[in-house]
Amino acid sequence: MLTETHDTEEIIERVAALDIGKAEAVCCARVPREGTPGRRLQEVGTWPTMTRSLLELSDHLRCLRVTRVVMEATSDYVRREGA
């Protein structure tokens, strides 16, 4: 049964979404458009999942001043000892 919640809406100004695959990550970043209130810029790019490339992606998101990143992945990326 669905019940009503009393959540308040939160809008994240500078956000990125990552779709992680085995060989690459697709990143969509959305940031405010400077000088145009209410308008946004969007960038979609593909990055290899090698360490150096992921560090470059991290640096890029810092340059865009992204404050929240969400991730979607369809595989098991957590490895436990003995598993």
N, C-alpha and C. Protein backbone atom coordinates (compact mmCIF):
# COMPACT_ATOMS: atom_id res chain seq x y z
N MET A 1 0.84 -1.18 0.00
CA MET A 1 0.00 0.00 0.00
C MET A 1 0.89 1.24 0.00
N LEU A 2 0.62 2.16 -0.89
CA LEU A 2 1.38 3.41 -0.96
C LEU A 2 0.87 4.38 0.10
N THR A 3 1.79 5.05 0.74
CA THR A 3 1.41 6.06 1.73
C THR A 3 2.02 7.40 1.34
N GLU A 4 1.37 8.46 1.72
CA GLU A 4 1.84 9.80 1.39
C GLU A 4 3.03 10.17 2.26
N THR A 5 4.02 10.82 1.64
CA THR A 5 5.18 11.31 2.39
C THR A 5 5.13 12.83 2.42
N HIS A 6 5.90 13.40 3.28
CA HIS A 6 5.95 14.86 3.41
C HIS A 6 7.36 15.36 3.15
N ASP A 7 7.94 14.83 2.09
CA ASP A 7 9.29 15.23 1.70
C ASP A 7 9.27 16.63 1.12
N THR A 8 10.36 17.34 1.32
CA THR A 8 10.50 18.63 0.66
C THR A 8 11.38 18.42 -0.57
N GLU A 9 11.07 19.11 -1.63
CA GLU A 9 11.84 18.98 -2.87
C GLU A 9 13.19 19.64 -2.71
N GLU A 10 14.22 18.95 -3.19
CA GLU A 10 15.57 19.50 -3.15
C GLU A 10 16.10 19.54 -4.57
N ILE A 11 16.49 20.70 -5.02
CA ILE A 11 17.06 20.83 -6.36
C ILE A 11 18.56 21.00 -6.22
N ILE A 12 19.29 20.12 -6.87
CA ILE A 12 20.75 20.16 -6.84
C ILE A 12 21.19 20.97 -8.06
N GLU A 13 21.87 22.08 -7.84
CA GLU A 13 22.27 22.95 -8.94
C GLU A 13 23.27 22.30 -9.88
N ARG A 14 24.27 21.65 -9.31
CA ARG A 14 25.37 21.09 -10.11
C ARG A 14 25.44 19.59 -9.84
N VAL A 15 24.98 18.82 -10.81
CA VAL A 15 24.81 17.39 -10.60
C VAL A 15 25.37 16.60 -11.79
N ALA A 16 25.79 15.37 -11.51
CA ALA A 16 26.24 14.46 -12.57
C ALA A 16 25.66 13.08 -12.32
N ALA A 17 25.37 12.38 -13.39
CA ALA A 17 24.88 11.00 -13.32
C ALA A 17 25.83 10.12 -14.12
N LEU A 18 26.23 9.01 -13.52
CA LEU A 18 27.15 8.08 -14.18
C LEU A 18 26.46 6.76 -14.44
N ASP A 19 26.62 6.24 -15.65
CA ASP A 19 26.18 4.89 -15.99
C ASP A 19 27.46 4.10 -16.21
N ILE A 20 27.75 3.20 -15.27
CA ILE A 20 29.03 2.50 -15.27
C ILE A 20 28.90 1.15 -15.97
N GLY A 21 29.73 0.93 -16.95
CA GLY A 21 29.83 -0.36 -17.62
C GLY A 21 31.20 -0.96 -17.36
N LYS A 22 31.45 -2.12 -17.93
CA LYS A 22 32.73 -2.78 -17.70
C LYS A 22 33.89 -2.00 -18.31
N ALA A 23 33.71 -1.48 -19.52
CA ALA A 23 34.81 -0.83 -20.23
C ALA A 23 34.72 0.69 -20.25
N GLU A 24 33.52 1.23 -19.99
CA GLU A 24 33.37 2.68 -20.05
C GLU A 24 32.28 3.18 -19.12
N ALA A 25 32.37 4.45 -18.81
CA ALA A 25 31.36 5.14 -18.00
C ALA A 25 30.81 6.28 -18.84
N VAL A 26 29.51 6.41 -18.85
CA VAL A 26 28.87 7.54 -19.52
C VAL A 26 28.47 8.52 -18.43
N CYS A 27 28.86 9.76 -18.60
CA CYS A 27 28.60 10.79 -17.59
C CYS A 27 27.75 11.91 -18.20
N CYS A 28 26.66 12.24 -17.53
CA CYS A 28 25.83 13.38 -17.90
C CYS A 28 25.92 14.39 -16.77
N ALA A 29 26.45 15.57 -17.05
CA ALA A 29 26.57 16.63 -16.05
C ALA A 29 25.63 17.77 -16.43
N ARG A 30 24.96 18.33 -15.41
CA ARG A 30 24.06 19.47 -15.63
C ARG A 30 24.43 20.56 -14.64
N VAL A 31 24.63 21.76 -15.16
CA VAL A 31 25.03 22.90 -14.35
C VAL A 31 24.22 24.13 -14.79
N PRO A 32 24.12 25.14 -13.91
CA PRO A 32 23.41 26.36 -14.31
C PRO A 32 24.11 27.06 -15.47
N ARG A 33 23.33 27.71 -16.31
CA ARG A 33 23.90 28.51 -17.38
C ARG A 33 24.16 29.90 -16.82
N GLU A 34 25.44 30.27 -16.77
CA GLU A 34 25.83 31.56 -16.19
C GLU A 34 25.17 32.70 -16.96
N GLY A 35 24.63 33.66 -16.25
CA GLY A 35 24.03 34.84 -16.86
C GLY A 35 22.62 34.65 -17.36
N THR A 36 22.08 33.42 -17.25
CA THR A 36 20.72 33.15 -17.70
C THR A 36 19.98 32.37 -16.61
N PRO A 37 19.38 33.08 -15.66
CA PRO A 37 18.69 32.41 -14.56
C PRO A 37 17.63 31.43 -15.06
N GLY A 38 17.57 30.27 -14.43
CA GLY A 38 16.58 29.27 -14.78
C GLY A 38 16.97 28.38 -15.94
N ARG A 39 18.08 28.65 -16.61
CA ARG A 39 18.52 27.84 -17.75
C ARG A 39 19.72 26.99 -17.31
N ARG A 40 19.87 25.81 -17.96
CA ARG A 40 20.93 24.90 -17.58
C ARG A 40 21.71 24.45 -18.81
N LEU A 41 22.96 24.07 -18.57
CA LEU A 41 23.80 23.47 -19.60
C LEU A 41 23.96 21.99 -19.27
N GLN A 42 24.02 21.17 -20.30
CA GLN A 42 24.17 19.73 -20.12
C GLN A 42 25.32 19.24 -21.00
N GLU A 43 26.09 18.32 -20.43
CA GLU A 43 27.21 17.72 -21.17
C GLU A 43 27.16 16.21 -20.96
N VAL A 44 27.24 15.45 -22.04
CA VAL A 44 27.28 13.99 -21.96
C VAL A 44 28.59 13.52 -22.58
N GLY A 45 29.32 12.70 -21.86
CA GLY A 45 30.60 12.20 -22.37
C GLY A 45 30.84 10.77 -21.94
N THR A 46 31.71 10.10 -22.66
CA THR A 46 32.07 8.71 -22.36
C THR A 46 33.53 8.66 -21.95
N TRP A 47 33.80 7.94 -20.87
CA TRP A 47 35.14 7.85 -20.30
C TRP A 47 35.50 6.37 -20.11
N PRO A 48 36.72 5.97 -20.48
CA PRO A 48 37.17 4.60 -20.19
C PRO A 48 37.19 4.38 -18.67
N THR A 49 37.03 3.14 -18.25
CA THR A 49 37.00 2.85 -16.81
C THR A 49 38.37 2.54 -16.22
N MET A 50 39.42 2.89 -16.92
CA MET A 50 40.76 2.72 -16.37
C MET A 50 41.00 3.82 -15.34
N THR A 51 41.85 3.56 -14.37
CA THR A 51 42.06 4.48 -13.24
C THR A 51 42.40 5.89 -13.69
N ARG A 52 43.34 6.04 -14.61
CA ARG A 52 43.75 7.38 -15.06
C ARG A 52 42.56 8.16 -15.64
N SER A 53 41.74 7.49 -16.44
CA SER A 53 40.58 8.16 -17.05
C SER A 53 39.55 8.54 -16.01
N LEU A 54 39.33 7.68 -15.02
CA LEU A 54 38.37 8.00 -13.97
C LEU A 54 38.87 9.17 -13.11
N LEU A 55 40.17 9.26 -12.91
CA LEU A 55 40.71 10.42 -12.18
C LEU A 55 40.53 11.70 -13.00
N GLU A 56 40.68 11.60 -14.33
CA GLU A 56 40.43 12.75 -15.19
C GLU A 56 38.96 13.16 -15.14
N LEU A 57 38.07 12.18 -15.12
CA LEU A 57 36.64 12.47 -14.99
C LEU A 57 36.36 13.17 -13.66
N SER A 58 36.97 12.69 -12.60
CA SER A 58 36.81 13.31 -11.30
C SER A 58 37.27 14.78 -11.31
N ASP A 59 38.43 15.01 -11.90
CA ASP A 59 38.94 16.39 -12.03
C ASP A 59 37.99 17.26 -12.84
N HIS A 60 37.46 16.69 -13.93
CA HIS A 60 36.53 17.44 -14.78
C HIS A 60 35.28 17.84 -14.00
N LEU A 61 34.75 16.92 -13.22
CA LEU A 61 33.54 17.23 -12.43
C LEU A 61 33.84 18.28 -11.36
N ARG A 62 35.05 18.25 -10.82
CA ARG A 62 35.45 19.30 -9.87
C ARG A 62 35.51 20.65 -10.56
N CYS A 63 36.05 20.69 -11.78
CA CYS A 63 36.12 21.95 -12.54
C CYS A 63 34.73 22.50 -12.82
N LEU A 64 33.76 21.61 -13.02
CA LEU A 64 32.37 22.04 -13.23
C LEU A 64 31.67 22.39 -11.91
N ARG A 65 32.38 22.16 -10.80
CA ARG A 65 31.87 22.41 -9.44
C ARG A 65 30.63 21.57 -9.14
N VAL A 66 30.62 20.32 -9.63
CA VAL A 66 29.53 19.39 -9.36
C VAL A 66 29.55 19.04 -7.87
N THR A 67 28.38 19.08 -7.24
CA THR A 67 28.29 18.80 -5.81
C THR A 67 27.62 17.47 -5.49
N ARG A 68 26.97 16.86 -6.48
CA ARG A 68 26.31 15.56 -6.25
C ARG A 68 26.49 14.69 -7.47
N VAL A 69 26.88 13.43 -7.24
CA VAL A 69 27.03 12.46 -8.32
C VAL A 69 26.20 11.23 -7.95
N VAL A 70 25.42 10.74 -8.91
CA VAL A 70 24.67 9.50 -8.72
C VAL A 70 25.20 8.49 -9.71
N MET A 71 25.10 7.20 -9.37
CA MET A 71 25.68 6.16 -10.19
C MET A 71 24.69 5.03 -10.40
N GLU A 72 24.70 4.46 -11.60
CA GLU A 72 23.91 3.28 -11.91
C GLU A 72 24.85 2.27 -12.53
N ALA A 73 24.76 1.04 -12.07
CA ALA A 73 25.60 -0.02 -12.61
C ALA A 73 24.80 -1.32 -12.56
N THR A 74 25.00 -2.18 -13.55
CA THR A 74 24.25 -3.43 -13.61
C THR A 74 25.08 -4.63 -13.21
N SER A 75 26.30 -4.41 -12.79
CA SER A 75 27.17 -5.51 -12.42
C SER A 75 27.59 -5.39 -10.96
N ASP A 76 28.23 -6.42 -10.47
CA ASP A 76 28.72 -6.44 -9.10
C ASP A 76 30.11 -5.81 -9.07
N TYR A 77 30.23 -4.62 -8.49
CA TYR A 77 31.52 -3.93 -8.44
C TYR A 77 32.18 -4.00 -7.09
N VAL A 78 31.55 -4.67 -6.13
CA VAL A 78 32.14 -4.83 -4.81
C VAL A 78 32.68 -6.25 -4.71
N ARG A 79 33.96 -6.36 -4.49
CA ARG A 79 34.59 -7.68 -4.37
C ARG A 79 34.95 -7.91 -2.91
N ARG A 80 34.55 -9.04 -2.39
CA ARG A 80 34.85 -9.38 -1.00
C ARG A 80 35.82 -10.54 -0.99
N GLU A 81 36.68 -10.58 0.04
CA GLU A 81 37.62 -11.69 0.16
C GLU A 81 36.85 -12.98 0.35
N GLY A 82 37.29 -14.00 -0.34
CA GLY A 82 36.66 -15.31 -0.22
C GLY A 82 35.41 -15.47 -1.05
N ALA A 83 35.02 -14.43 -1.77
CA ALA A 83 33.79 -14.53 -2.56
C ALA A 83 34.07 -15.10 -3.93
